[in-house]
Amino acid sequence: MTMPQAPAAPATYQPTPITITSIDVPFTRLVGFFFKAALAAIPAVIAVALVLKVIGGLLFWGVGAWRYGYMGGPFGWL
């Protein structure tokens, strides 16, 4: 008794090109979306600013310690 064979898959797949001509979004919903996006961006900007401030502070603290001879710092022995 033999098992039936599955049909062979096509050798290549050709995607069907589509063109979107219109998106129907009411103005008030669009304004609401942008308002929410602006509110969500505030904490993100604060978080990115804090991370950059910490990284910059660490870098410039090290450069200042090396340049001006801050003793006891990571570059105090130079």
PDB file of N, CA and C in Angstrom:
ATOM      1  N   MET A   1       0.848  -1.165   0.000  1.00  0.00           N
ATOM      2  CA  MET A   1       0.000   0.000   0.000  1.00  0.00           C
ATOM      3  C   MET A   1       0.903   1.241   0.000  1.00  0.00           C
ATOM      4  N   THR A   2       0.708   2.143  -0.917  1.00  0.00           N
ATOM      5  CA  THR A   2       1.540   3.338  -1.030  1.00  0.00           C
ATOM      6  C   THR A   2       0.758   4.553  -0.553  1.00  0.00           C
ATOM      7  N   MET A   3       1.507   5.488   0.000  1.00  0.00           N
ATOM      8  CA  MET A   3       0.901   6.736   0.474  1.00  0.00           C
ATOM      9  C   MET A   3       0.807   7.713  -0.693  1.00  0.00           C
ATOM     10  N   PRO A   4      -0.250   8.502  -0.751  1.00  0.00           N
ATOM     11  CA  PRO A   4      -0.354   9.494  -1.833  1.00  0.00           C
ATOM     12  C   PRO A   4       0.701  10.590  -1.645  1.00  0.00           C
ATOM     13  N   GLN A   5       1.256  11.035  -2.737  1.00  0.00           N
ATOM     14  CA  GLN A   5       2.287  12.068  -2.701  1.00  0.00           C
ATOM     15  C   GLN A   5       1.641  13.453  -2.638  1.00  0.00           C
ATOM     16  N   ALA A   6       2.272  14.327  -1.853  1.00  0.00           N
ATOM     17  CA  ALA A   6       1.804  15.711  -1.781  1.00  0.00           C
ATOM     18  C   ALA A   6       2.167  16.421  -3.078  1.00  0.00           C
ATOM     19  N   PRO A   7       1.347  17.367  -3.502  1.00  0.00           N
ATOM     20  CA  PRO A   7       1.688  18.093  -4.731  1.00  0.00           C
ATOM     21  C   PRO A   7       2.965  18.904  -4.529  1.00  0.00           C
ATOM     22  N   ALA A   8       3.751  18.990  -5.567  1.00  0.00           N
ATOM     23  CA  ALA A   8       5.014  19.721  -5.501  1.00  0.00           C
ATOM     24  C   ALA A   8       4.745  21.216  -5.379  1.00  0.00           C
ATOM     25  N   ALA A   9       5.563  21.872  -4.565  1.00  0.00           N
ATOM     26  CA  ALA A   9       5.443  23.320  -4.405  1.00  0.00           C
ATOM     27  C   ALA A   9       5.990  24.002  -5.651  1.00  0.00           C
ATOM     28  N   PRO A  10       5.448  25.153  -6.001  1.00  0.00           N
ATOM     29  CA  PRO A  10       5.986  25.859  -7.165  1.00  0.00           C
ATOM     30  C   PRO A  10       7.447  26.250  -6.918  1.00  0.00           C
ATOM     31  N   ALA A  11       8.229  26.261  -7.969  1.00  0.00           N
ATOM     32  CA  ALA A  11       9.662  26.519  -7.849  1.00  0.00           C
ATOM     33  C   ALA A  11       9.943  27.945  -7.392  1.00  0.00           C
ATOM     34  N   THR A  12       9.211  28.909  -7.901  1.00  0.00           N
ATOM     35  CA  THR A  12       9.433  30.302  -7.511  1.00  0.00           C
ATOM     36  C   THR A  12       8.103  30.924  -7.120  1.00  0.00           C
ATOM     37  N   TYR A  13       8.198  31.890  -6.248  1.00  0.00           N
ATOM     38  CA  TYR A  13       7.007  32.606  -5.795  1.00  0.00           C
ATOM     39  C   TYR A  13       7.058  34.011  -6.361  1.00  0.00           C
ATOM     40  N   GLN A  14       6.021  34.394  -7.055  1.00  0.00           N
ATOM     41  CA  GLN A  14       5.944  35.730  -7.625  1.00  0.00           C
ATOM     42  C   GLN A  14       4.946  36.559  -6.818  1.00  0.00           C
ATOM     43  N   PRO A  15       5.413  37.578  -6.092  1.00  0.00           N
ATOM     44  CA  PRO A  15       4.473  38.400  -5.326  1.00  0.00           C
ATOM     45  C   PRO A  15       3.574  39.217  -6.247  1.00  0.00           C
ATOM     46  N   THR A  16       2.373  39.446  -5.783  1.00  0.00           N
ATOM     47  CA  THR A  16       1.425  40.244  -6.543  1.00  0.00           C
ATOM     48  C   THR A  16       1.595  41.708  -6.151  1.00  0.00           C
ATOM     49  N   PRO A  17       1.923  42.576  -7.092  1.00  0.00           N
ATOM     50  CA  PRO A  17       2.093  43.988  -6.740  1.00  0.00           C
ATOM     51  C   PRO A  17       0.748  44.648  -6.418  1.00  0.00           C
ATOM     52  N   ILE A  18       0.736  45.476  -5.378  1.00  0.00           N
ATOM     53  CA  ILE A  18      -0.475  46.202  -5.005  1.00  0.00           C
ATOM     54  C   ILE A  18      -0.145  47.680  -4.872  1.00  0.00           C
ATOM     55  N   THR A  19      -1.128  48.507  -5.093  1.00  0.00           N
ATOM     56  CA  THR A  19      -0.995  49.944  -4.921  1.00  0.00           C
ATOM     57  C   THR A  19      -2.133  50.430  -4.047  1.00  0.00           C
ATOM     58  N   ILE A  20      -1.791  51.094  -2.941  1.00  0.00           N
ATOM     59  CA  ILE A  20      -2.817  51.666  -2.069  1.00  0.00           C
ATOM     60  C   ILE A  20      -3.111  53.065  -2.578  1.00  0.00           C
ATOM     61  N   THR A  21      -4.358  53.304  -2.880  1.00  0.00           N
ATOM     62  CA  THR A  21      -4.727  54.599  -3.447  1.00  0.00           C
ATOM     63  C   THR A  21      -5.371  55.526  -2.436  1.00  0.00           C
ATOM     64  N   SER A  22      -5.947  54.982  -1.361  1.00  0.00           N
ATOM     65  CA  SER A  22      -6.638  55.842  -0.407  1.00  0.00           C
ATOM     66  C   SER A  22      -6.746  55.146   0.946  1.00  0.00           C
ATOM     67  N   ILE A  23      -6.586  55.928   1.995  1.00  0.00           N
ATOM     68  CA  ILE A  23      -6.832  55.451   3.356  1.00  0.00           C
ATOM     69  C   ILE A  23      -7.841  56.411   3.966  1.00  0.00           C
ATOM     70  N   ASP A  24      -8.967  55.896   4.374  1.00  0.00           N
ATOM     71  CA  ASP A  24     -10.041  56.736   4.900  1.00  0.00           C
ATOM     72  C   ASP A  24      -9.970  56.757   6.426  1.00  0.00           C
ATOM     73  N   VAL A  25      -9.374  57.843   6.978  1.00  0.00           N
ATOM     74  CA  VAL A  25      -9.266  58.013   8.426  1.00  0.00           C
ATOM     75  C   VAL A  25      -9.946  59.327   8.780  1.00  0.00           C
ATOM     76  N   PRO A  26     -10.900  59.305   9.708  1.00  0.00           N
ATOM     77  CA  PRO A  26     -11.534  60.560  10.112  1.00  0.00           C
ATOM     78  C   PRO A  26     -10.519  61.514  10.748  1.00  0.00           C
ATOM     79  N   PHE A  27     -10.741  62.802  10.543  1.00  0.00           N
ATOM     80  CA  PHE A  27      -9.800  63.817  11.015  1.00  0.00           C
ATOM     81  C   PHE A  27      -9.630  63.764  12.526  1.00  0.00           C
ATOM     82  N   THR A  28     -10.718  63.597  13.263  1.00  0.00           N
ATOM     83  CA  THR A  28     -10.619  63.599  14.729  1.00  0.00           C
ATOM     84  C   THR A  28      -9.810  62.409  15.237  1.00  0.00           C
ATOM     85  N   ARG A  29      -9.934  61.268  14.592  1.00  0.00           N
ATOM     86  CA  ARG A  29      -9.132  60.103  15.011  1.00  0.00           C
ATOM     87  C   ARG A  29      -7.657  60.325  14.707  1.00  0.00           C
ATOM     88  N   LEU A  30      -7.376  60.985  13.590  1.00  0.00           N
ATOM     89  CA  LEU A  30      -5.995  61.287  13.236  1.00  0.00           C
ATOM     90  C   LEU A  30      -5.388  62.281  14.224  1.00  0.00           C
ATOM     91  N   VAL A  31      -6.149  63.302  14.603  1.00  0.00           N
ATOM     92  CA  VAL A  31      -5.678  64.267  15.597  1.00  0.00           C
ATOM     93  C   VAL A  31      -5.439  63.565  16.930  1.00  0.00           C
ATOM     94  N   GLY A  32      -6.349  62.683  17.307  1.00  0.00           N
ATOM     95  CA  GLY A  32      -6.180  61.933  18.549  1.00  0.00           C
ATOM     96  C   GLY A  32      -4.935  61.069  18.533  1.00  0.00           C
ATOM     97  N   PHE A  33      -4.666  60.433  17.401  1.00  0.00           N
ATOM     98  CA  PHE A  33      -3.465  59.603  17.291  1.00  0.00           C
ATOM     99  C   PHE A  33      -2.206  60.439  17.457  1.00  0.00           C
ATOM    100  N   PHE A  34      -2.143  61.586  16.783  1.00  0.00           N
ATOM    101  CA  PHE A  34      -0.953  62.423  16.888  1.00  0.00           C
ATOM    102  C   PHE A  34      -0.808  63.018  18.284  1.00  0.00           C
ATOM    103  N   PHE A  35      -1.913  63.316  18.942  1.00  0.00           N
ATOM    104  CA  PHE A  35      -1.853  63.815  20.316  1.00  0.00           C
ATOM    105  C   PHE A  35      -1.278  62.744  21.242  1.00  0.00           C
ATOM    106  N   LYS A  36      -1.743  61.511  21.094  1.00  0.00           N
ATOM    107  CA  LYS A  36      -1.218  60.414  21.915  1.00  0.00           C
ATOM    108  C   LYS A  36       0.255  60.164  21.612  1.00  0.00           C
ATOM    109  N   ALA A  37       0.631  60.253  20.346  1.00  0.00           N
ATOM    110  CA  ALA A  37       2.035  60.046  19.986  1.00  0.00           C
ATOM    111  C   ALA A  37       2.916  61.135  20.593  1.00  0.00           C
ATOM    112  N   ALA A  38       2.422  62.380  20.602  1.00  0.00           N
ATOM    113  CA  ALA A  38       3.195  63.466  21.204  1.00  0.00           C
ATOM    114  C   ALA A  38       3.335  63.268  22.707  1.00  0.00           C
ATOM    115  N   LEU A  39       2.272  62.827  23.362  1.00  0.00           N
ATOM    116  CA  LEU A  39       2.356  62.568  24.802  1.00  0.00           C
ATOM    117  C   LEU A  39       3.291  61.399  25.104  1.00  0.00           C
ATOM    118  N   ALA A  40       3.288  60.391  24.260  1.00  0.00           N
ATOM    119  CA  ALA A  40       4.163  59.240  24.475  1.00  0.00           C
ATOM    120  C   ALA A  40       5.624  59.588  24.211  1.00  0.00           C
ATOM    121  N   ALA A  41       5.875  60.595  23.393  1.00  0.00           N
ATOM    122  CA  ALA A  41       7.251  60.965  23.072  1.00  0.00           C
ATOM    123  C   ALA A  41       7.929  61.700  24.220  1.00  0.00           C
ATOM    124  N   ILE A  42       7.160  62.344  25.093  1.00  0.00           N
ATOM    125  CA  ILE A  42       7.756  63.127  26.181  1.00  0.00           C
ATOM    126  C   ILE A  42       8.605  62.255  27.105  1.00  0.00           C
ATOM    127  N   PRO A  43       8.077  61.152  27.677  1.00  0.00           N
ATOM    128  CA  PRO A  43       8.940  60.336  28.529  1.00  0.00           C
ATOM    129  C   PRO A  43      10.095  59.691  27.766  1.00  0.00           C
ATOM    130  N   ALA A  44       9.884  59.395  26.493  1.00  0.00           N
ATOM    131  CA  ALA A  44      10.967  58.801  25.708  1.00  0.00           C
ATOM    132  C   ALA A  44      12.113  59.789  25.532  1.00  0.00           C
ATOM    133  N   VAL A  45      11.796  61.038  25.275  1.00  0.00           N
ATOM    134  CA  VAL A  45      12.833  62.062  25.123  1.00  0.00           C
ATOM    135  C   VAL A  45      13.564  62.272  26.443  1.00  0.00           C
ATOM    136  N   ILE A  46      12.828  62.275  27.548  1.00  0.00           N
ATOM    137  CA  ILE A  46      13.461  62.430  28.863  1.00  0.00           C
ATOM    138  C   ILE A  46      14.404  61.262  29.139  1.00  0.00           C
ATOM    139  N   ALA A  47      13.978  60.047  28.842  1.00  0.00           N
ATOM    140  CA  ALA A  47      14.820  58.870  29.087  1.00  0.00           C
ATOM    141  C   ALA A  47      16.082  58.913  28.230  1.00  0.00           C
ATOM    142  N   VAL A  48      15.948  59.260  26.965  1.00  0.00           N
ATOM    143  CA  VAL A  48      17.121  59.336  26.088  1.00  0.00           C
ATOM    144  C   VAL A  48      18.064  60.438  26.563  1.00  0.00           C
ATOM    145  N   ALA A  49      17.524  61.573  26.993  1.00  0.00           N
ATOM    146  CA  ALA A  49      18.364  62.663  27.486  1.00  0.00           C
ATOM    147  C   ALA A  49      19.133  62.242  28.734  1.00  0.00           C
ATOM    148  N   LEU A  50      18.481  61.518  29.641  1.00  0.00           N
ATOM    149  CA  LEU A  50      19.172  61.067  30.850  1.00  0.00           C
ATOM    150  C   LEU A  50      20.293  60.084  30.522  1.00  0.00           C
ATOM    151  N   VAL A  51      20.024  59.161  29.616  1.00  0.00           N
ATOM    152  CA  VAL A  51      21.062  58.195  29.234  1.00  0.00           C
ATOM    153  C   VAL A  51      22.250  58.916  28.600  1.00  0.00           C
ATOM    154  N   LEU A  52      21.982  59.852  27.697  1.00  0.00           N
ATOM    155  CA  LEU A  52      23.068  60.595  27.062  1.00  0.00           C
ATOM    156  C   LEU A  52      23.823  61.451  28.065  1.00  0.00           C
ATOM    157  N   LYS A  53      23.115  62.015  29.042  1.00  0.00           N
ATOM    158  CA  LYS A  53      23.772  62.827  30.069  1.00  0.00           C
ATOM    159  C   LYS A  53      24.705  61.973  30.917  1.00  0.00           C
ATOM    160  N   VAL A  54      24.262  60.782  31.283  1.00  0.00           N
ATOM    161  CA  VAL A  54      25.112  59.894  32.082  1.00  0.00           C
ATOM    162  C   VAL A  54      26.343  59.470  31.281  1.00  0.00           C
ATOM    163  N   ILE A  55      26.143  59.075  30.031  1.00  0.00           N
ATOM    164  CA  ILE A  55      27.280  58.656  29.201  1.00  0.00           C
ATOM    165  C   ILE A  55      28.249  59.818  28.993  1.00  0.00           C
ATOM    166  N   GLY A  56      27.713  60.986  28.655  1.00  0.00           N
ATOM    167  CA  GLY A  56      28.567  62.156  28.468  1.00  0.00           C
ATOM    168  C   GLY A  56      29.278  62.560  29.743  1.00  0.00           C
ATOM    169  N   GLY A  57      28.579  62.478  30.876  1.00  0.00           N
ATOM    170  CA  GLY A  57      29.207  62.810  32.152  1.00  0.00           C
ATOM    171  C   GLY A  57      30.346  61.876  32.481  1.00  0.00           C
ATOM    172  N   LEU A  58      30.153  60.594  32.229  1.00  0.00           N
ATOM    173  CA  LEU A  58      31.230  59.637  32.494  1.00  0.00           C
ATOM    174  C   LEU A  58      32.425  59.876  31.577  1.00  0.00           C
ATOM    175  N   LEU A  59      32.157  60.147  30.308  1.00  0.00           N
ATOM    176  CA  LEU A  59      33.258  60.389  29.376  1.00  0.00           C
ATOM    177  C   LEU A  59      34.024  61.655  29.732  1.00  0.00           C
ATOM    178  N   PHE A  60      33.318  62.745  29.977  1.00  0.00           N
ATOM    179  CA  PHE A  60      34.004  64.001  30.248  1.00  0.00           C
ATOM    180  C   PHE A  60      34.607  64.037  31.643  1.00  0.00           C
ATOM    181  N   TRP A  61      34.055  63.272  32.582  1.00  0.00           N
ATOM    182  CA  TRP A  61      34.664  63.174  33.902  1.00  0.00           C
ATOM    183  C   TRP A  61      36.029  62.501  33.770  1.00  0.00           C
ATOM    184  N   GLY A  62      36.084  61.458  32.950  1.00  0.00           N
ATOM    185  CA  GLY A  62      37.358  60.775  32.737  1.00  0.00           C
ATOM    186  C   GLY A  62      38.367  61.658  32.038  1.00  0.00           C
ATOM    187  N   VAL A  63      37.932  62.409  31.025  1.00  0.00           N
ATOM    188  CA  VAL A  63      38.838  63.308  30.313  1.00  0.00           C
ATOM    189  C   VAL A  63      39.297  64.422  31.237  1.00  0.00           C
ATOM    190  N   GLY A  64      38.374  64.973  32.035  1.00  0.00           N
ATOM    191  CA  GLY A  64      38.754  66.033  32.969  1.00  0.00           C
ATOM    192  C   GLY A  64      39.700  65.532  34.041  1.00  0.00           C
ATOM    193  N   ALA A  65      39.489  64.315  34.496  1.00  0.00           N
ATOM    194  CA  ALA A  65      40.372  63.742  35.508  1.00  0.00           C
ATOM    195  C   ALA A  65      41.774  63.553  34.943  1.00  0.00           C
ATOM    196  N   TRP A  66      41.860  63.145  33.697  1.00  0.00           N
ATOM    197  CA  TRP A  66      43.168  62.946  33.087  1.00  0.00           C
ATOM    198  C   TRP A  66      43.849  64.289  32.810  1.00  0.00           C
ATOM    199  N   ARG A  67      43.069  65.266  32.341  1.00  0.00           N
ATOM    200  CA  ARG A  67      43.636  66.562  31.947  1.00  0.00           C
ATOM    201  C   ARG A  67      44.063  67.393  33.149  1.00  0.00           C
ATOM    202  N   TYR A  68      43.225  67.424  34.186  1.00  0.00           N
ATOM    203  CA  TYR A  68      43.490  68.316  35.307  1.00  0.00           C
ATOM    204  C   TYR A  68      44.015  67.584  36.531  1.00  0.00           C
ATOM    205  N   GLY A  69      44.288  66.308  36.421  1.00  0.00           N
ATOM    206  CA  GLY A  69      44.938  65.569  37.486  1.00  0.00           C
ATOM    207  C   GLY A  69      44.090  65.332  38.714  1.00  0.00           C
ATOM    208  N   TYR A  70      42.854  64.961  38.545  1.00  0.00           N
ATOM    209  CA  TYR A  70      41.993  64.643  39.686  1.00  0.00           C
ATOM    210  C   TYR A  70      42.504  63.367  40.320  1.00  0.00           C
ATOM    211  N   MET A  71      42.963  63.443  41.539  1.00  0.00           N
ATOM    212  CA  MET A  71      43.532  62.281  42.207  1.00  0.00           C
ATOM    213  C   MET A  71      42.420  61.414  42.777  1.00  0.00           C
ATOM    214  N   GLY A  72      42.606  60.140  42.722  1.00  0.00           N
ATOM    215  CA  GLY A  72      41.634  59.220  43.269  1.00  0.00           C
ATOM    216  C   GLY A  72      40.623  58.742  42.254  1.00  0.00           C
ATOM    217  N   GLY A  73      40.624  59.320  41.077  1.00  0.00           N
ATOM    218  CA  GLY A  73      39.696  58.894  40.045  1.00  0.00           C
ATOM    219  C   GLY A  73      40.270  57.740  39.249  1.00  0.00           C
ATOM    220  N   PRO A  74      39.557  57.298  38.258  1.00  0.00           N
ATOM    221  CA  PRO A  74      40.045  56.164  37.474  1.00  0.00           C
ATOM    222  C   PRO A  74      41.314  56.486  36.693  1.00  0.00           C
ATOM    223  N   PHE A  75      41.575  57.787  36.426  1.00  0.00           N
ATOM    224  CA  PHE A  75      42.778  58.169  35.690  1.00  0.00           C
ATOM    225  C   PHE A  75      43.752  58.920  36.585  1.00  0.00           C
ATOM    226  N   GLY A  76      43.625  58.816  37.885  1.00  0.00           N
ATOM    227  CA  GLY A  76      44.500  59.536  38.806  1.00  0.00           C
ATOM    228  C   GLY A  76      45.935  59.050  38.762  1.00  0.00           C
ATOM    229  N   TRP A  77      46.155  57.859  38.303  1.00  0.00           N
ATOM    230  CA  TRP A  77      47.494  57.291  38.271  1.00  0.00           C
ATOM    231  C   TRP A  77      48.294  57.710  37.045  1.00  0.00           C
ATOM    232  N   LEU A  78      47.659  58.396  36.067  1.00  0.00           N
ATOM    233  CA  LEU A  78      48.384  58.767  34.847  1.00  0.00           C
ATOM    234  C   LEU A  78      49.301  59.935  35.082  1.00  0.00           C
TER     235      LEU A  78
END
